Structure formats: structure tokens, C-alpha cells
Amino acid sequence: VGIALAKLYTAKQAVAVASEALECFGGQGYMEDTGLPRLLRDAQVLPIWEGTTSVLALDALRVLRKTEALDAVAAEL
């Protein structure tokens, strides 16, 4: 469960962080020379490469159906 959720979270956060970095640089952030547009493009593809949101959610649910996994998650919460 942890791996699927970590992949989902980091893929989503990478897009948000790269977008914020681009905005911080203003107009210069959109220039290819800064490397930031490439970072944003790379971040936007992470959810596709790592598995779509629905696939990762199904992975987590499949694992949680096992009793011992559900108990472990409940103990953490």
C-alpha cells in the first residue's frame, strides 16, 4: 500500500512543485534556457509512467483487501 500511495503522492506533488518553480521565475521561467520548462514536462509525465491514478488506487485497494494489510494500516492511523 505504501509504495502505491508514495508513487501517487510524489507524481502529483512533482507537477505542483515544478509548476510553482516556473511561476517563481516569472517570464524567465518559460524560457528553455532555464531548464524549468523541461522539468515541468518531465514532472507531467510521471503519473503516466508510474501508473495512472486509478491503477495506483486499485493497487492500494487490492492490498488493503488482505486482512493483515488492513490491520497494519489501521495501526498506523
N, C-alpha and C. Protein backbone atom coordinates (compact mmCIF):
# COMPACT_ATOMS: atom_id res chain seq x y z
N VAL A 1 0.84 -1.19 0.00
CA VAL A 1 0.00 0.00 0.00
C VAL A 1 0.88 1.24 0.00
N GLY A 2 1.90 1.22 0.85
CA GLY A 2 2.75 2.39 0.98
C GLY A 2 3.43 2.79 -0.31
N ILE A 3 3.87 1.80 -1.08
CA ILE A 3 4.57 2.10 -2.33
C ILE A 3 3.62 2.73 -3.33
N ALA A 4 2.43 2.17 -3.49
CA ALA A 4 1.46 2.73 -4.44
C ALA A 4 1.08 4.15 -4.05
N LEU A 5 0.84 4.38 -2.76
CA LEU A 5 0.46 5.71 -2.31
C LEU A 5 1.62 6.69 -2.43
N ALA A 6 2.84 6.23 -2.17
CA ALA A 6 4.01 7.10 -2.31
C ALA A 6 4.21 7.51 -3.77
N LYS A 7 4.04 6.55 -4.68
CA LYS A 7 4.18 6.86 -6.10
C LYS A 7 3.13 7.86 -6.55
N LEU A 8 1.90 7.66 -6.09
CA LEU A 8 0.82 8.57 -6.45
C LEU A 8 1.09 9.97 -5.91
N TYR A 9 1.46 10.06 -4.64
CA TYR A 9 1.69 11.35 -3.99
C TYR A 9 2.86 12.10 -4.64
N THR A 10 3.98 11.40 -4.85
CA THR A 10 5.15 12.09 -5.40
C THR A 10 4.92 12.52 -6.84
N ALA A 11 4.21 11.73 -7.62
CA ALA A 11 3.93 12.11 -9.00
C ALA A 11 3.07 13.36 -9.05
N LYS A 12 2.06 13.43 -8.19
CA LYS A 12 1.18 14.61 -8.16
C LYS A 12 1.94 15.83 -7.62
N GLN A 13 2.74 15.64 -6.59
CA GLN A 13 3.48 16.76 -5.99
C GLN A 13 4.55 17.29 -6.94
N ALA A 14 5.16 16.43 -7.71
CA ALA A 14 6.21 16.87 -8.64
C ALA A 14 5.65 17.88 -9.64
N VAL A 15 4.45 17.64 -10.12
CA VAL A 15 3.82 18.57 -11.06
C VAL A 15 3.56 19.91 -10.37
N ALA A 16 3.03 19.87 -9.16
CA ALA A 16 2.73 21.11 -8.43
C ALA A 16 4.00 21.90 -8.13
N VAL A 17 5.04 21.21 -7.69
CA VAL A 17 6.29 21.89 -7.33
C VAL A 17 6.97 22.48 -8.57
N ALA A 18 7.02 21.72 -9.66
CA ALA A 18 7.64 22.22 -10.88
C ALA A 18 6.88 23.42 -11.43
N SER A 19 5.57 23.37 -11.35
CA SER A 19 4.74 24.48 -11.81
C SER A 19 4.98 25.73 -10.96
N GLU A 20 5.08 25.54 -9.66
CA GLU A 20 5.35 26.65 -8.74
C GLU A 20 6.72 27.26 -9.01
N ALA A 21 7.71 26.42 -9.27
CA ALA A 21 9.06 26.90 -9.58
C ALA A 21 9.05 27.74 -10.85
N LEU A 22 8.31 27.29 -11.84
CA LEU A 22 8.21 28.03 -13.09
C LEU A 22 7.59 29.40 -12.85
N GLU A 23 6.54 29.45 -12.04
CA GLU A 23 5.88 30.72 -11.73
C GLU A 23 6.80 31.65 -10.95
N CYS A 24 7.62 31.12 -10.07
CA CYS A 24 8.54 31.94 -9.27
C CYS A 24 9.53 32.69 -10.15
N PHE A 25 9.89 32.10 -11.27
CA PHE A 25 10.83 32.75 -12.17
C PHE A 25 10.15 33.74 -13.11
N GLY A 26 8.83 33.82 -13.06
CA GLY A 26 8.11 34.75 -13.92
C GLY A 26 8.28 34.39 -15.39
N GLY A 27 8.40 35.42 -16.22
CA GLY A 27 8.55 35.21 -17.66
C GLY A 27 9.80 34.42 -18.01
N GLN A 28 10.87 34.61 -17.23
CA GLN A 28 12.11 33.87 -17.48
C GLN A 28 11.91 32.37 -17.30
N GLY A 29 10.97 31.99 -16.45
CA GLY A 29 10.73 30.58 -16.18
C GLY A 29 10.26 29.81 -17.41
N TYR A 30 9.67 30.52 -18.35
CA TYR A 30 9.16 29.87 -19.55
C TYR A 30 10.21 29.75 -20.65
N MET A 31 11.37 30.35 -20.42
CA MET A 31 12.44 30.28 -21.41
C MET A 31 13.14 28.92 -21.29
N GLU A 32 13.39 28.29 -22.41
CA GLU A 32 14.02 26.97 -22.42
C GLU A 32 15.42 26.99 -21.81
N ASP A 33 16.09 28.14 -21.86
CA ASP A 33 17.46 28.24 -21.33
C ASP A 33 17.54 27.93 -19.84
N THR A 34 16.46 28.18 -19.11
CA THR A 34 16.49 27.96 -17.66
C THR A 34 16.38 26.49 -17.29
N GLY A 35 15.86 25.68 -18.18
CA GLY A 35 15.68 24.26 -17.89
C GLY A 35 14.37 23.96 -17.16
N LEU A 36 13.68 25.00 -16.70
CA LEU A 36 12.44 24.77 -15.96
C LEU A 36 11.31 24.20 -16.81
N PRO A 37 11.14 24.64 -18.06
CA PRO A 37 10.08 24.02 -18.86
C PRO A 37 10.27 22.51 -19.02
N ARG A 38 11.53 22.10 -19.14
CA ARG A 38 11.81 20.65 -19.25
C ARG A 38 11.44 19.93 -17.97
N LEU A 39 11.77 20.55 -16.81
CA LEU A 39 11.40 19.95 -15.53
C LEU A 39 9.89 19.77 -15.43
N LEU A 40 9.14 20.78 -15.86
CA LEU A 40 7.68 20.69 -15.81
C LEU A 40 7.18 19.58 -16.73
N ARG A 41 7.72 19.51 -17.93
CA ARG A 41 7.30 18.43 -18.85
C ARG A 41 7.62 17.06 -18.28
N ASP A 42 8.80 16.93 -17.69
CA ASP A 42 9.18 15.65 -17.08
C ASP A 42 8.25 15.29 -15.92
N ALA A 43 7.89 16.29 -15.13
CA ALA A 43 7.00 16.04 -13.99
C ALA A 43 5.60 15.66 -14.46
N GLN A 44 5.14 16.27 -15.54
CA GLN A 44 3.79 16.00 -16.02
C GLN A 44 3.63 14.57 -16.53
N VAL A 45 4.70 13.95 -16.92
CA VAL A 45 4.61 12.59 -17.44
C VAL A 45 4.73 11.54 -16.33
N LEU A 46 5.17 11.94 -15.13
CA LEU A 46 5.34 10.98 -14.04
C LEU A 46 4.07 10.18 -13.73
N PRO A 47 2.89 10.81 -13.61
CA PRO A 47 1.70 9.99 -13.32
C PRO A 47 1.42 8.94 -14.40
N ILE A 48 1.85 9.21 -15.62
CA ILE A 48 1.63 8.25 -16.71
C ILE A 48 2.65 7.12 -16.60
N TRP A 49 3.93 7.46 -16.40
CA TRP A 49 4.98 6.44 -16.30
C TRP A 49 4.82 5.57 -15.07
N GLU A 50 4.48 6.16 -13.96
CA GLU A 50 4.39 5.41 -12.71
C GLU A 50 3.06 4.66 -12.59
N GLY A 51 2.15 4.91 -13.48
CA GLY A 51 0.83 4.28 -13.42
C GLY A 51 -0.21 5.36 -13.19
N THR A 52 -1.30 5.24 -13.89
CA THR A 52 -2.33 6.27 -13.73
C THR A 52 -2.88 6.24 -12.32
N THR A 53 -3.54 7.32 -11.95
CA THR A 53 -4.10 7.45 -10.62
C THR A 53 -5.03 6.29 -10.29
N SER A 54 -5.86 5.91 -11.24
CA SER A 54 -6.81 4.83 -10.98
C SER A 54 -6.10 3.49 -10.79
N VAL A 55 -5.04 3.23 -11.54
CA VAL A 55 -4.30 1.98 -11.39
C VAL A 55 -3.64 1.91 -10.02
N LEU A 56 -3.04 3.02 -9.59
CA LEU A 56 -2.40 3.06 -8.27
C LEU A 56 -3.43 2.91 -7.16
N ALA A 57 -4.60 3.51 -7.34
CA ALA A 57 -5.66 3.38 -6.34
C ALA A 57 -6.14 1.93 -6.27
N LEU A 58 -6.29 1.28 -7.42
CA LEU A 58 -6.71 -0.12 -7.44
C LEU A 58 -5.65 -1.01 -6.79
N ASP A 59 -4.38 -0.68 -7.00
CA ASP A 59 -3.29 -1.40 -6.34
C ASP A 59 -3.44 -1.32 -4.83
N ALA A 60 -3.67 -0.12 -4.33
CA ALA A 60 -3.82 0.09 -2.89
C ALA A 60 -5.02 -0.68 -2.35
N LEU A 61 -6.14 -0.63 -3.06
CA LEU A 61 -7.34 -1.34 -2.61
C LEU A 61 -7.14 -2.85 -2.63
N ARG A 62 -6.43 -3.34 -3.64
CA ARG A 62 -6.18 -4.78 -3.73
C ARG A 62 -5.37 -5.26 -2.53
N VAL A 63 -4.38 -4.48 -2.15
CA VAL A 63 -3.56 -4.85 -0.99
C VAL A 63 -4.37 -4.73 0.29
N LEU A 64 -5.20 -3.70 0.39
CA LEU A 64 -5.97 -3.49 1.62
C LEU A 64 -7.03 -4.57 1.85
N ARG A 65 -7.41 -5.28 0.79
CA ARG A 65 -8.40 -6.35 0.97
C ARG A 65 -7.86 -7.49 1.83
N LYS A 66 -6.55 -7.60 1.91
CA LYS A 66 -5.95 -8.62 2.77
C LYS A 66 -6.06 -8.14 4.22
N THR A 67 -6.52 -9.00 5.08
CA THR A 67 -6.79 -8.63 6.47
C THR A 67 -5.57 -8.08 7.18
N GLU A 68 -4.43 -8.74 7.03
CA GLU A 68 -3.24 -8.29 7.76
C GLU A 68 -2.78 -6.91 7.28
N ALA A 69 -2.97 -6.61 6.00
CA ALA A 69 -2.60 -5.30 5.48
C ALA A 69 -3.51 -4.22 6.06
N LEU A 70 -4.79 -4.52 6.13
CA LEU A 70 -5.75 -3.57 6.68
C LEU A 70 -5.45 -3.30 8.15
N ASP A 71 -5.10 -4.35 8.89
CA ASP A 71 -4.74 -4.18 10.30
C ASP A 71 -3.50 -3.31 10.46
N ALA A 72 -2.52 -3.50 9.58
CA ALA A 72 -1.29 -2.71 9.65
C ALA A 72 -1.56 -1.24 9.37
N VAL A 73 -2.41 -0.98 8.38
CA VAL A 73 -2.75 0.41 8.06
C VAL A 73 -3.54 1.04 9.20
N ALA A 74 -4.47 0.29 9.76
CA ALA A 74 -5.27 0.81 10.88
C ALA A 74 -4.38 1.12 12.08
N ALA A 75 -3.36 0.31 12.31
CA ALA A 75 -2.44 0.55 13.42
C ALA A 75 -1.63 1.82 13.21
N GLU A 76 -1.30 2.12 11.96
CA GLU A 76 -0.54 3.34 11.64
C GLU A 76 -1.39 4.59 11.81
N LEU A 77 -2.68 4.46 11.53
CA LEU A 77 -3.56 5.63 11.62
C LEU A 77 -3.96 5.82 13.05
